[in-house]
Amino acid sequence: MKRYQIYIFDLDGTLTDTIVPWLDIFREGLQLHNITPPDDQTLSKHTHRWEQMLELGLPESKLDDFIKFAHQAAHERLPKSALHAGAYEMLEALKNHGKQIGIFSTMDRAMFEPVIKYRNLTPLADALVAGNDVPRRKPEPDGILKVLTDLGISKKDYDQVVYIGDKDTDIQAAHNAGVDGVLYYPAAHQLFYDLEELKVHKPEGIITDWQELVASLE
């Protein structure tokens, strides 16, 4: 993997192992409205925006109720979700090598902050941006660009920046921001996300274990 000076990470599903809790939340939310959820792989493709629940049969009149349930469940369950194996040690290694670290997640700040606090990520991150800190969500580049602004990174140095995430929208957002996008694809995600579909978006690299990133620093 190429070395960079600025490493920006998605949080939900990338640093934290939250794919199963989120699928449970979406599944339960649909069932509350008497809708049979699809299989996990199909459901995982409908978790980028709340409105995608309408494609699965949720009436538009029930969307606000669904979102309210999902927020409440996420507040209760996500802050204590485990980090992916080696994630914290990888962030420490980056810090020890003098790299700048940003975290940008589509999660609203009300959910974002408890996760950051519970996992003690603030000392390791130089910039923290939540989904509702910017006007547009991924795959738009707004969040990544805000991290770069907060870090004081000029456009001429964008070749030293990488955004690492686990979904197609992460790679798209990186490219839309004009920086490299690297896909995090651990074994746990291989049941839900099709690698060939993700590779269509041309990530600059694919990581299956955080030790691969640490090794690239040596």
N, C-alpha and C. Protein backbone atom coordinates (compact mmCIF):
# COMPACT_ATOMS: atom_id res chain seq x y z
N MET A 1 0.85 -1.20 0.00
CA MET A 1 0.00 0.00 0.00
C MET A 1 0.88 1.24 0.00
N LYS A 2 0.48 2.24 -0.79
CA LYS A 2 1.21 3.50 -0.85
C LYS A 2 1.22 4.20 0.51
N ARG A 3 2.29 4.90 0.79
CA ARG A 3 2.36 5.70 2.02
C ARG A 3 1.74 7.07 1.78
N TYR A 4 1.08 7.58 2.79
CA TYR A 4 0.47 8.90 2.74
C TYR A 4 0.89 9.69 3.97
N GLN A 5 0.59 10.98 3.96
CA GLN A 5 0.84 11.81 5.13
C GLN A 5 -0.43 12.07 5.92
N ILE A 6 -1.57 12.08 5.21
CA ILE A 6 -2.86 12.34 5.85
C ILE A 6 -3.77 11.14 5.61
N TYR A 7 -4.22 10.52 6.69
CA TYR A 7 -5.09 9.35 6.62
C TYR A 7 -6.45 9.73 7.22
N ILE A 8 -7.50 9.63 6.41
CA ILE A 8 -8.85 9.92 6.87
C ILE A 8 -9.65 8.62 6.82
N PHE A 9 -10.40 8.37 7.88
CA PHE A 9 -11.12 7.11 8.00
C PHE A 9 -12.62 7.33 8.15
N ASP A 10 -13.38 6.47 7.50
CA ASP A 10 -14.77 6.30 7.85
C ASP A 10 -14.78 5.66 9.25
N LEU A 11 -15.86 5.85 9.99
CA LEU A 11 -15.94 5.28 11.33
C LEU A 11 -16.79 4.02 11.35
N ASP A 12 -18.04 4.18 10.97
CA ASP A 12 -19.04 3.13 11.10
C ASP A 12 -18.80 2.01 10.08
N GLY A 13 -18.38 0.84 10.55
CA GLY A 13 -18.11 -0.28 9.66
C GLY A 13 -16.66 -0.37 9.23
N THR A 14 -15.91 0.70 9.44
CA THR A 14 -14.49 0.72 9.05
C THR A 14 -13.61 0.61 10.28
N LEU A 15 -13.69 1.58 11.17
CA LEU A 15 -12.97 1.45 12.44
C LEU A 15 -13.78 0.61 13.43
N THR A 16 -15.10 0.82 13.44
CA THR A 16 -15.95 0.04 14.35
C THR A 16 -16.64 -1.09 13.59
N ASP A 17 -16.81 -2.20 14.26
CA ASP A 17 -17.40 -3.40 13.65
C ASP A 17 -18.91 -3.35 13.87
N THR A 18 -19.62 -2.62 13.00
CA THR A 18 -21.04 -2.34 13.25
C THR A 18 -21.98 -2.88 12.18
N ILE A 19 -21.49 -3.65 11.23
CA ILE A 19 -22.38 -4.08 10.16
C ILE A 19 -23.54 -4.92 10.69
N VAL A 20 -23.27 -5.84 11.62
CA VAL A 20 -24.34 -6.70 12.14
C VAL A 20 -25.34 -5.89 12.98
N PRO A 21 -24.89 -5.02 13.92
CA PRO A 21 -25.87 -4.21 14.64
C PRO A 21 -26.74 -3.34 13.74
N TRP A 22 -26.13 -2.75 12.71
CA TRP A 22 -26.92 -1.90 11.81
C TRP A 22 -27.95 -2.72 11.03
N LEU A 23 -27.55 -3.89 10.54
CA LEU A 23 -28.50 -4.73 9.83
C LEU A 23 -29.64 -5.15 10.75
N ASP A 24 -29.32 -5.43 12.01
CA ASP A 24 -30.36 -5.77 12.98
C ASP A 24 -31.34 -4.61 13.15
N ILE A 25 -30.80 -3.40 13.24
CA ILE A 25 -31.65 -2.22 13.43
C ILE A 25 -32.56 -2.01 12.23
N PHE A 26 -32.01 -2.09 11.03
CA PHE A 26 -32.82 -1.90 9.83
C PHE A 26 -33.87 -3.01 9.72
N ARG A 27 -33.47 -4.23 10.03
CA ARG A 27 -34.40 -5.36 9.95
C ARG A 27 -35.56 -5.18 10.94
N GLU A 28 -35.23 -4.83 12.18
CA GLU A 28 -36.25 -4.65 13.20
C GLU A 28 -37.17 -3.48 12.85
N GLY A 29 -36.59 -2.41 12.29
CA GLY A 29 -37.40 -1.25 11.90
C GLY A 29 -38.42 -1.60 10.83
N LEU A 30 -38.02 -2.41 9.88
CA LEU A 30 -38.96 -2.84 8.85
C LEU A 30 -40.04 -3.75 9.43
N GLN A 31 -39.64 -4.65 10.31
CA GLN A 31 -40.60 -5.58 10.91
C GLN A 31 -41.63 -4.86 11.77
N LEU A 32 -41.23 -3.75 12.38
CA LEU A 32 -42.18 -2.96 13.17
C LEU A 32 -43.34 -2.45 12.31
N HIS A 33 -43.08 -2.33 11.01
CA HIS A 33 -44.11 -1.85 10.08
C HIS A 33 -44.62 -2.98 9.19
N ASN A 34 -44.47 -4.21 9.71
CA ASN A 34 -45.01 -5.41 9.05
C ASN A 34 -44.46 -5.63 7.64
N ILE A 35 -43.17 -5.28 7.48
CA ILE A 35 -42.49 -5.50 6.20
C ILE A 35 -41.44 -6.58 6.42
N THR A 36 -41.48 -7.60 5.58
CA THR A 36 -40.49 -8.66 5.68
C THR A 36 -39.16 -8.19 5.09
N PRO A 37 -38.11 -8.15 5.88
CA PRO A 37 -36.81 -7.66 5.36
C PRO A 37 -36.25 -8.62 4.32
N PRO A 38 -35.47 -8.10 3.38
CA PRO A 38 -34.80 -8.98 2.42
C PRO A 38 -33.61 -9.67 3.07
N ASP A 39 -32.89 -10.48 2.32
CA ASP A 39 -31.68 -11.10 2.84
C ASP A 39 -30.65 -10.03 3.19
N ASP A 40 -29.69 -10.41 4.02
CA ASP A 40 -28.72 -9.43 4.55
C ASP A 40 -27.93 -8.74 3.45
N GLN A 41 -27.56 -9.46 2.40
CA GLN A 41 -26.77 -8.84 1.33
C GLN A 41 -27.58 -7.76 0.63
N THR A 42 -28.85 -8.04 0.36
CA THR A 42 -29.71 -7.03 -0.27
C THR A 42 -29.94 -5.86 0.68
N LEU A 43 -30.21 -6.18 1.95
CA LEU A 43 -30.46 -5.13 2.93
C LEU A 43 -29.25 -4.21 3.07
N SER A 44 -28.05 -4.79 3.04
CA SER A 44 -26.84 -3.99 3.21
C SER A 44 -26.66 -2.96 2.09
N LYS A 45 -27.27 -3.20 0.94
CA LYS A 45 -27.18 -2.26 -0.17
C LYS A 45 -28.19 -1.13 -0.06
N HIS A 46 -29.03 -1.18 0.96
CA HIS A 46 -30.06 -0.17 1.16
C HIS A 46 -29.86 0.59 2.47
N THR A 47 -28.61 0.71 2.88
CA THR A 47 -28.34 1.36 4.17
C THR A 47 -27.56 2.66 4.03
N HIS A 48 -27.47 3.19 2.82
CA HIS A 48 -26.72 4.44 2.63
C HIS A 48 -27.55 5.66 2.99
N ARG A 49 -28.85 5.60 2.72
CA ARG A 49 -29.76 6.73 2.98
C ARG A 49 -31.07 6.18 3.52
N TRP A 50 -31.68 6.93 4.43
CA TRP A 50 -32.95 6.49 5.01
C TRP A 50 -34.00 6.23 3.93
N GLU A 51 -34.00 7.07 2.89
CA GLU A 51 -35.03 6.96 1.85
C GLU A 51 -35.00 5.63 1.11
N GLN A 52 -33.88 4.92 1.22
CA GLN A 52 -33.80 3.63 0.54
C GLN A 52 -34.75 2.59 1.16
N MET A 53 -35.23 2.86 2.36
CA MET A 53 -36.22 1.96 2.96
C MET A 53 -37.52 1.95 2.16
N LEU A 54 -37.79 3.05 1.45
CA LEU A 54 -39.00 3.11 0.63
C LEU A 54 -38.91 2.09 -0.50
N GLU A 55 -37.71 1.83 -0.98
CA GLU A 55 -37.51 0.85 -2.05
C GLU A 55 -37.79 -0.57 -1.56
N LEU A 56 -37.75 -0.76 -0.24
CA LEU A 56 -38.01 -2.08 0.33
C LEU A 56 -39.46 -2.23 0.79
N GLY A 57 -40.26 -1.24 0.50
CA GLY A 57 -41.69 -1.34 0.81
C GLY A 57 -42.19 -0.50 1.96
N LEU A 58 -41.31 0.23 2.63
CA LEU A 58 -41.76 1.09 3.72
C LEU A 58 -42.57 2.26 3.17
N PRO A 59 -43.80 2.47 3.67
CA PRO A 59 -44.58 3.62 3.20
C PRO A 59 -43.89 4.93 3.57
N GLU A 60 -43.95 5.89 2.69
CA GLU A 60 -43.31 7.18 2.95
C GLU A 60 -43.84 7.81 4.23
N SER A 61 -45.10 7.57 4.54
CA SER A 61 -45.72 8.14 5.74
C SER A 61 -45.11 7.57 7.02
N LYS A 62 -44.42 6.42 6.90
CA LYS A 62 -43.82 5.78 8.07
C LYS A 62 -42.32 6.02 8.17
N LEU A 63 -41.76 6.78 7.23
CA LEU A 63 -40.30 6.96 7.21
C LEU A 63 -39.80 7.66 8.46
N ASP A 64 -40.49 8.70 8.90
CA ASP A 64 -40.06 9.43 10.09
C ASP A 64 -40.07 8.52 11.32
N ASP A 65 -41.08 7.66 11.43
CA ASP A 65 -41.14 6.72 12.56
C ASP A 65 -39.98 5.73 12.50
N PHE A 66 -39.67 5.28 11.28
CA PHE A 66 -38.55 4.36 11.09
C PHE A 66 -37.24 5.02 11.52
N ILE A 67 -37.03 6.27 11.09
CA ILE A 67 -35.80 6.99 11.43
C ILE A 67 -35.70 7.20 12.94
N LYS A 68 -36.81 7.54 13.57
CA LYS A 68 -36.81 7.74 15.02
C LYS A 68 -36.41 6.46 15.74
N PHE A 69 -36.98 5.33 15.31
CA PHE A 69 -36.61 4.05 15.92
C PHE A 69 -35.13 3.75 15.70
N ALA A 70 -34.66 3.94 14.47
CA ALA A 70 -33.27 3.63 14.15
C ALA A 70 -32.30 4.49 14.96
N HIS A 71 -32.61 5.77 15.12
CA HIS A 71 -31.76 6.65 15.92
C HIS A 71 -31.69 6.18 17.36
N GLN A 72 -32.85 5.86 17.93
CA GLN A 72 -32.89 5.43 19.31
C GLN A 72 -32.10 4.13 19.51
N ALA A 73 -32.33 3.18 18.61
CA ALA A 73 -31.62 1.90 18.70
C ALA A 73 -30.12 2.09 18.52
N ALA A 74 -29.74 2.94 17.58
CA ALA A 74 -28.32 3.18 17.32
C ALA A 74 -27.65 3.84 18.52
N HIS A 75 -28.34 4.79 19.15
CA HIS A 75 -27.79 5.44 20.34
C HIS A 75 -27.51 4.42 21.44
N GLU A 76 -28.37 3.42 21.54
CA GLU A 76 -28.23 2.42 22.60
C GLU A 76 -27.16 1.38 22.27
N ARG A 77 -27.04 1.02 21.00
CA ARG A 77 -26.21 -0.14 20.63
C ARG A 77 -24.82 0.21 20.06
N LEU A 78 -24.74 1.27 19.26
CA LEU A 78 -23.51 1.51 18.51
C LEU A 78 -22.32 2.00 19.33
N PRO A 79 -22.54 2.86 20.35
CA PRO A 79 -21.37 3.36 21.07
C PRO A 79 -20.48 2.26 21.64
N LYS A 80 -21.07 1.15 22.01
CA LYS A 80 -20.27 0.08 22.62
C LYS A 80 -19.87 -1.01 21.62
N SER A 81 -20.10 -0.76 20.34
CA SER A 81 -19.66 -1.73 19.33
C SER A 81 -18.14 -1.82 19.34
N ALA A 82 -17.64 -3.01 19.18
CA ALA A 82 -16.20 -3.22 19.21
C ALA A 82 -15.52 -2.58 18.00
N LEU A 83 -14.28 -2.19 18.19
CA LEU A 83 -13.46 -1.78 17.06
C LEU A 83 -13.06 -3.04 16.28
N HIS A 84 -12.85 -2.89 14.98
CA HIS A 84 -12.29 -4.00 14.22
C HIS A 84 -10.91 -4.35 14.79
N ALA A 85 -10.57 -5.61 14.72
CA ALA A 85 -9.29 -6.07 15.28
C ALA A 85 -8.13 -5.27 14.72
N GLY A 86 -7.32 -4.74 15.62
CA GLY A 86 -6.13 -4.00 15.22
C GLY A 86 -6.34 -2.55 14.86
N ALA A 87 -7.59 -2.07 14.90
CA ALA A 87 -7.86 -0.69 14.47
C ALA A 87 -7.18 0.34 15.37
N TYR A 88 -7.32 0.18 16.68
CA TYR A 88 -6.75 1.17 17.60
C TYR A 88 -5.22 1.16 17.51
N GLU A 89 -4.66 -0.02 17.45
CA GLU A 89 -3.20 -0.13 17.33
C GLU A 89 -2.70 0.49 16.03
N MET A 90 -3.48 0.34 14.97
CA MET A 90 -3.12 0.94 13.68
C MET A 90 -3.12 2.47 13.78
N LEU A 91 -4.13 3.05 14.43
CA LEU A 91 -4.18 4.50 14.60
C LEU A 91 -3.00 4.99 15.44
N GLU A 92 -2.66 4.23 16.47
CA GLU A 92 -1.50 4.60 17.29
C GLU A 92 -0.22 4.56 16.47
N ALA A 93 -0.10 3.57 15.60
CA ALA A 93 1.10 3.46 14.75
C ALA A 93 1.20 4.67 13.82
N LEU A 94 0.07 5.06 13.23
CA LEU A 94 0.08 6.24 12.37
C LEU A 94 0.52 7.47 13.14
N LYS A 95 -0.01 7.63 14.35
CA LYS A 95 0.34 8.78 15.18
C LYS A 95 1.83 8.77 15.50
N ASN A 96 2.34 7.59 15.83
CA ASN A 96 3.76 7.48 16.18
C ASN A 96 4.67 7.74 14.99
N HIS A 97 4.15 7.59 13.77
CA HIS A 97 4.93 7.88 12.57
C HIS A 97 4.71 9.32 12.08
N GLY A 98 4.06 10.13 12.89
CA GLY A 98 3.89 11.54 12.55
C GLY A 98 2.84 11.82 11.49
N LYS A 99 1.91 10.91 11.28
CA LYS A 99 0.86 11.11 10.29
C LYS A 99 -0.29 11.92 10.89
N GLN A 100 -1.00 12.64 10.03
CA GLN A 100 -2.21 13.32 10.46
C GLN A 100 -3.40 12.40 10.24
N ILE A 101 -4.33 12.42 11.19
CA ILE A 101 -5.46 11.49 11.16
C ILE A 101 -6.77 12.26 11.24
N GLY A 102 -7.68 11.93 10.34
CA GLY A 102 -9.03 12.48 10.39
C GLY A 102 -10.04 11.35 10.41
N ILE A 103 -11.20 11.61 10.98
CA ILE A 103 -12.31 10.66 10.94
C ILE A 103 -13.53 11.39 10.42
N PHE A 104 -14.10 10.86 9.36
CA PHE A 104 -15.34 11.41 8.80
C PHE A 104 -16.33 10.29 8.59
N SER A 105 -17.49 10.43 9.21
CA SER A 105 -18.54 9.42 9.11
C SER A 105 -19.85 10.07 8.70
N THR A 106 -20.67 9.32 7.99
CA THR A 106 -22.01 9.79 7.65
C THR A 106 -22.92 9.81 8.87
N MET A 107 -22.53 9.16 9.95
CA MET A 107 -23.33 9.17 11.18
C MET A 107 -23.59 10.59 11.64
N ASP A 108 -24.81 10.87 12.10
CA ASP A 108 -25.10 12.16 12.69
C ASP A 108 -24.25 12.35 13.95
N ARG A 109 -23.96 13.61 14.28
CA ARG A 109 -23.07 13.88 15.40
C ARG A 109 -23.59 13.30 16.72
N ALA A 110 -24.91 13.26 16.88
CA ALA A 110 -25.47 12.72 18.12
C ALA A 110 -25.11 11.26 18.32
N MET A 111 -24.90 10.53 17.23
CA MET A 111 -24.45 9.13 17.33
C MET A 111 -22.93 9.04 17.26
N PHE A 112 -22.34 9.93 16.50
CA PHE A 112 -20.90 9.94 16.24
C PHE A 112 -20.11 10.18 17.54
N GLU A 113 -20.50 11.19 18.29
CA GLU A 113 -19.73 11.58 19.48
C GLU A 113 -19.66 10.50 20.55
N PRO A 114 -20.77 9.80 20.87
CA PRO A 114 -20.65 8.75 21.89
C PRO A 114 -19.69 7.63 21.49
N VAL A 115 -19.65 7.30 20.20
CA VAL A 115 -18.71 6.26 19.74
C VAL A 115 -17.28 6.73 19.91
N ILE A 116 -17.02 7.96 19.49
CA ILE A 116 -15.67 8.53 19.61
C ILE A 116 -15.23 8.55 21.07
N LYS A 117 -16.15 8.97 21.94
CA LYS A 117 -15.82 9.08 23.36
C LYS A 117 -15.61 7.70 23.98
N TYR A 118 -16.52 6.77 23.72
CA TYR A 118 -16.44 5.44 24.34
C TYR A 118 -15.17 4.72 23.94
N ARG A 119 -14.75 4.88 22.69
CA ARG A 119 -13.56 4.20 22.19
C ARG A 119 -12.29 5.04 22.33
N ASN A 120 -12.40 6.21 22.99
CA ASN A 120 -11.24 7.06 23.28
C ASN A 120 -10.43 7.38 22.02
N LEU A 121 -11.15 7.79 20.97
CA LEU A 121 -10.49 8.09 19.70
C LEU A 121 -10.03 9.55 19.58
N THR A 122 -10.54 10.42 20.44
CA THR A 122 -10.20 11.84 20.33
C THR A 122 -8.69 12.10 20.41
N PRO A 123 -7.94 11.44 21.31
CA PRO A 123 -6.49 11.71 21.37
C PRO A 123 -5.75 11.32 20.10
N LEU A 124 -6.35 10.44 19.28
CA LEU A 124 -5.66 9.95 18.10
C LEU A 124 -6.05 10.71 16.83
N ALA A 125 -7.15 11.44 16.87
CA ALA A 125 -7.66 12.11 15.67
C ALA A 125 -7.39 13.60 15.72
N ASP A 126 -6.89 14.13 14.60
CA ASP A 126 -6.63 15.57 14.49
C ASP A 126 -7.84 16.33 13.99
N ALA A 127 -8.80 15.63 13.39
CA ALA A 127 -10.03 16.26 12.91
C ALA A 127 -11.15 15.23 12.95
N LEU A 128 -12.33 15.66 13.41
CA LEU A 128 -13.49 14.78 13.55
C LEU A 128 -14.69 15.44 12.90
N VAL A 129 -15.26 14.80 11.89
CA VAL A 129 -16.39 15.38 11.16
C VAL A 129 -17.51 14.35 11.08
N ALA A 130 -18.71 14.77 11.49
CA ALA A 130 -19.89 13.90 11.42
C ALA A 130 -20.72 14.25 10.19
N GLY A 131 -21.67 13.38 9.88
CA GLY A 131 -22.46 13.55 8.66
C GLY A 131 -23.23 14.84 8.59
N ASN A 132 -23.82 15.26 9.71
CA ASN A 132 -24.62 16.50 9.67
C ASN A 132 -23.79 17.74 9.95
N ASP A 133 -22.46 17.62 9.92
CA ASP A 133 -21.58 18.80 9.98
C ASP A 133 -21.42 19.45 8.61
N VAL A 134 -21.87 18.74 7.57
CA VAL A 134 -21.71 19.23 6.19
C VAL A 134 -23.05 19.17 5.47
N PRO A 135 -23.20 19.94 4.38
CA PRO A 135 -24.50 20.00 3.69
C PRO A 135 -24.90 18.70 3.01
N ARG A 136 -23.92 17.98 2.44
CA ARG A 136 -24.26 16.80 1.64
C ARG A 136 -23.51 15.58 2.16
N ARG A 137 -24.17 14.43 2.03
CA ARG A 137 -23.59 13.17 2.50
C ARG A 137 -22.83 12.48 1.37
N LYS A 138 -22.10 11.44 1.72
CA LYS A 138 -21.44 10.62 0.71
C LYS A 138 -22.49 10.05 -0.25
N PRO A 139 -22.16 9.98 -1.54
CA PRO A 139 -20.82 10.04 -2.14
C PRO A 139 -20.30 11.45 -2.46
N GLU A 140 -21.04 12.48 -2.02
CA GLU A 140 -20.52 13.83 -2.21
C GLU A 140 -19.27 14.00 -1.34
N PRO A 141 -18.37 14.90 -1.72
CA PRO A 141 -17.07 14.98 -1.04
C PRO A 141 -17.02 15.90 0.17
N ASP A 142 -18.16 16.50 0.55
CA ASP A 142 -18.16 17.58 1.54
C ASP A 142 -17.44 17.23 2.84
N GLY A 143 -17.71 16.04 3.38
CA GLY A 143 -17.11 15.67 4.66
C GLY A 143 -15.60 15.54 4.59
N ILE A 144 -15.12 14.93 3.53
CA ILE A 144 -13.67 14.78 3.36
C ILE A 144 -13.02 16.14 3.19
N LEU A 145 -13.65 16.99 2.41
CA LEU A 145 -13.10 18.34 2.19
C LEU A 145 -13.08 19.15 3.48
N LYS A 146 -14.09 18.96 4.34
CA LYS A 146 -14.09 19.68 5.63
C LYS A 146 -12.95 19.19 6.51
N VAL A 147 -12.70 17.88 6.52
CA VAL A 147 -11.56 17.36 7.29
C VAL A 147 -10.28 18.02 6.80
N LEU A 148 -10.11 18.09 5.49
CA LEU A 148 -8.88 18.68 4.93
C LEU A 148 -8.78 20.17 5.26
N THR A 149 -9.90 20.85 5.25
CA THR A 149 -9.91 22.27 5.64
C THR A 149 -9.54 22.41 7.11
N ASP A 150 -10.15 21.57 7.95
CA ASP A 150 -9.86 21.63 9.39
C ASP A 150 -8.39 21.32 9.69
N LEU A 151 -7.78 20.47 8.86
CA LEU A 151 -6.37 20.13 9.05
C LEU A 151 -5.43 21.15 8.41
N GLY A 152 -5.99 22.06 7.63
CA GLY A 152 -5.17 23.06 6.96
C GLY A 152 -4.40 22.51 5.77
N ILE A 153 -4.97 21.52 5.08
CA ILE A 153 -4.31 20.89 3.94
C ILE A 153 -4.71 21.61 2.66
N SER A 154 -3.74 22.07 1.90
CA SER A 154 -4.02 22.76 0.64
C SER A 154 -4.17 21.75 -0.49
N LYS A 155 -4.82 22.18 -1.56
CA LYS A 155 -5.13 21.28 -2.66
C LYS A 155 -3.87 20.69 -3.29
N LYS A 156 -2.78 21.42 -3.26
CA LYS A 156 -1.54 20.93 -3.87
C LYS A 156 -0.99 19.70 -3.14
N ASP A 157 -1.48 19.46 -1.92
CA ASP A 157 -1.01 18.33 -1.14
C ASP A 157 -2.01 17.17 -1.11
N TYR A 158 -3.04 17.24 -1.95
CA TYR A 158 -4.06 16.18 -1.94
C TYR A 158 -3.50 14.82 -2.36
N ASP A 159 -2.35 14.83 -3.04
CA ASP A 159 -1.76 13.54 -3.42
C ASP A 159 -1.18 12.81 -2.21
N GLN A 160 -1.14 13.47 -1.06
CA GLN A 160 -0.66 12.87 0.17
C GLN A 160 -1.80 12.42 1.08
N VAL A 161 -3.03 12.43 0.52
CA VAL A 161 -4.23 12.15 1.32
C VAL A 161 -4.88 10.86 0.86
N VAL A 162 -5.37 10.06 1.81
CA VAL A 162 -6.17 8.88 1.48
C VAL A 162 -7.40 8.86 2.39
N TYR A 163 -8.53 8.46 1.82
CA TYR A 163 -9.73 8.21 2.60
C TYR A 163 -10.00 6.72 2.56
N ILE A 164 -10.19 6.10 3.71
CA ILE A 164 -10.36 4.66 3.82
C ILE A 164 -11.74 4.34 4.36
N GLY A 165 -12.51 3.56 3.60
CA GLY A 165 -13.85 3.20 4.02
C GLY A 165 -14.24 1.83 3.49
N ASP A 166 -15.41 1.37 3.92
CA ASP A 166 -15.80 0.00 3.61
C ASP A 166 -16.91 -0.12 2.57
N LYS A 167 -17.41 1.00 2.05
CA LYS A 167 -18.52 0.94 1.11
C LYS A 167 -18.17 1.63 -0.21
N ASP A 168 -19.00 1.38 -1.21
CA ASP A 168 -18.79 2.01 -2.51
C ASP A 168 -18.85 3.53 -2.41
N THR A 169 -19.75 4.04 -1.56
CA THR A 169 -19.89 5.50 -1.42
C THR A 169 -18.64 6.13 -0.81
N ASP A 170 -17.88 5.37 -0.03
CA ASP A 170 -16.64 5.89 0.52
C ASP A 170 -15.61 6.13 -0.58
N ILE A 171 -15.48 5.16 -1.47
CA ILE A 171 -14.53 5.31 -2.57
C ILE A 171 -14.98 6.42 -3.51
N GLN A 172 -16.26 6.50 -3.78
CA GLN A 172 -16.78 7.56 -4.64
C GLN A 172 -16.53 8.92 -4.01
N ALA A 173 -16.77 9.04 -2.71
CA ALA A 173 -16.55 10.33 -2.03
C ALA A 173 -15.08 10.74 -2.09
N ALA A 174 -14.19 9.77 -1.92
CA ALA A 174 -12.75 10.08 -2.00
C ALA A 174 -12.40 10.63 -3.37
N HIS A 175 -12.84 9.95 -4.41
CA HIS A 175 -12.53 10.40 -5.76
C HIS A 175 -13.18 11.74 -6.08
N ASN A 176 -14.38 11.95 -5.58
CA ASN A 176 -15.06 13.23 -5.79
C ASN A 176 -14.34 14.37 -5.08
N ALA A 177 -13.60 14.03 -4.02
CA ALA A 177 -12.83 15.03 -3.29
C ALA A 177 -11.45 15.25 -3.92
N GLY A 178 -11.07 14.37 -4.84
CA GLY A 178 -9.77 14.50 -5.49
C GLY A 178 -8.64 13.85 -4.72
N VAL A 179 -8.98 12.84 -3.87
CA VAL A 179 -7.95 12.13 -3.11
C VAL A 179 -8.08 10.64 -3.39
N ASP A 180 -7.08 9.88 -2.98
CA ASP A 180 -7.13 8.43 -3.15
C ASP A 180 -8.18 7.82 -2.23
N GLY A 181 -8.80 6.74 -2.70
CA GLY A 181 -9.74 6.00 -1.89
C GLY A 181 -9.29 4.56 -1.75
N VAL A 182 -9.20 4.08 -0.53
CA VAL A 182 -8.80 2.70 -0.26
C VAL A 182 -9.96 1.98 0.42
N LEU A 183 -10.22 0.76 -0.03
CA LEU A 183 -11.32 -0.04 0.48
C LEU A 183 -10.87 -0.90 1.65
N TYR A 184 -11.64 -0.85 2.74
CA TYR A 184 -11.42 -1.77 3.86
C TYR A 184 -12.42 -2.91 3.69
N TYR A 185 -11.90 -4.13 3.53
CA TYR A 185 -12.74 -5.28 3.20
C TYR A 185 -12.33 -6.48 4.04
N PRO A 186 -12.69 -6.44 5.35
CA PRO A 186 -12.32 -7.55 6.24
C PRO A 186 -13.17 -8.78 5.97
N ALA A 187 -12.78 -9.89 6.54
CA ALA A 187 -13.50 -11.15 6.33
C ALA A 187 -14.97 -11.03 6.71
N ALA A 188 -15.26 -10.27 7.77
CA ALA A 188 -16.65 -10.14 8.23
C ALA A 188 -17.56 -9.48 7.19
N HIS A 189 -16.99 -8.68 6.31
CA HIS A 189 -17.80 -7.98 5.30
C HIS A 189 -18.01 -8.80 4.04
N GLN A 190 -17.24 -9.85 3.90
CA GLN A 190 -17.30 -10.61 2.65
C GLN A 190 -18.61 -11.36 2.49
N LEU A 191 -19.36 -11.52 3.58
CA LEU A 191 -20.67 -12.15 3.51
C LEU A 191 -21.74 -11.20 2.97
N PHE A 192 -21.46 -9.89 3.06
CA PHE A 192 -22.47 -8.90 2.74
C PHE A 192 -22.17 -8.06 1.50
N TYR A 193 -20.89 -7.77 1.27
CA TYR A 193 -20.50 -6.90 0.17
C TYR A 193 -19.76 -7.69 -0.89
N ASP A 194 -20.16 -7.51 -2.12
CA ASP A 194 -19.52 -8.21 -3.24
C ASP A 194 -18.28 -7.44 -3.68
N LEU A 195 -17.13 -8.08 -3.60
CA LEU A 195 -15.87 -7.39 -3.90
C LEU A 195 -15.82 -6.89 -5.33
N GLU A 196 -16.30 -7.67 -6.27
CA GLU A 196 -16.26 -7.25 -7.67
C GLU A 196 -17.10 -6.00 -7.89
N GLU A 197 -18.23 -5.91 -7.21
CA GLU A 197 -19.06 -4.71 -7.31
C GLU A 197 -18.33 -3.50 -6.72
N LEU A 198 -17.62 -3.70 -5.62
CA LEU A 198 -16.89 -2.61 -4.99
C LEU A 198 -15.70 -2.18 -5.84
N LYS A 199 -15.06 -3.14 -6.50
CA LYS A 199 -13.88 -2.83 -7.33
C LYS A 199 -14.24 -2.02 -8.57
N VAL A 200 -15.50 -2.02 -8.94
CA VAL A 200 -15.95 -1.20 -10.07
C VAL A 200 -15.60 0.27 -9.85
N HIS A 201 -15.56 0.68 -8.59
CA HIS A 201 -15.30 2.09 -8.26
C HIS A 201 -13.81 2.41 -8.18
N LYS A 202 -12.99 1.44 -8.51
CA LYS A 202 -11.54 1.63 -8.66
C LYS A 202 -10.85 2.19 -7.41
N PRO A 203 -10.93 1.48 -6.30
CA PRO A 203 -10.14 1.90 -5.14
C PRO A 203 -8.66 1.79 -5.45
N GLU A 204 -7.86 2.67 -4.86
CA GLU A 204 -6.42 2.63 -5.08
C GLU A 204 -5.76 1.45 -4.36
N GLY A 205 -6.47 0.86 -3.43
CA GLY A 205 -5.95 -0.30 -2.71
C GLY A 205 -7.07 -0.98 -1.95
N ILE A 206 -6.83 -2.20 -1.51
CA ILE A 206 -7.80 -2.96 -0.73
C ILE A 206 -7.07 -3.53 0.49
N ILE A 207 -7.61 -3.26 1.67
CA ILE A 207 -7.04 -3.74 2.93
C ILE A 207 -8.01 -4.75 3.54
N THR A 208 -7.52 -5.91 3.91
CA THR A 208 -8.37 -6.88 4.58
C THR A 208 -8.04 -6.99 6.07
N ASP A 209 -6.89 -6.43 6.47
CA ASP A 209 -6.46 -6.49 7.86
C ASP A 209 -5.66 -5.21 8.14
N TRP A 210 -5.90 -4.58 9.30
CA TRP A 210 -5.22 -3.31 9.58
C TRP A 210 -3.71 -3.46 9.67
N GLN A 211 -3.23 -4.66 9.91
CA GLN A 211 -1.79 -4.86 9.96
C GLN A 211 -1.14 -4.56 8.62
N GLU A 212 -1.89 -4.69 7.54
CA GLU A 212 -1.37 -4.37 6.21
C GLU A 212 -1.00 -2.90 6.12
N LEU A 213 -1.83 -2.04 6.72
CA LEU A 213 -1.53 -0.60 6.71
C LEU A 213 -0.32 -0.32 7.58
N VAL A 214 -0.27 -0.93 8.76
CA VAL A 214 0.87 -0.73 9.65
C VAL A 214 2.17 -1.15 8.97
N ALA A 215 2.13 -2.28 8.26
CA ALA A 215 3.33 -2.77 7.58
C ALA A 215 3.79 -1.80 6.51
N SER A 216 2.87 -1.06 5.90
CA SER A 216 3.25 -0.12 4.84
C SER A 216 4.02 1.08 5.37
N LEU A 217 3.99 1.28 6.68
CA LEU A 217 4.69 2.42 7.28
C LEU A 217 6.17 2.16 7.49
N GLU A 218 6.55 0.89 7.46
CA GLU A 218 7.94 0.52 7.76
C GLU A 218 8.83 0.70 6.53
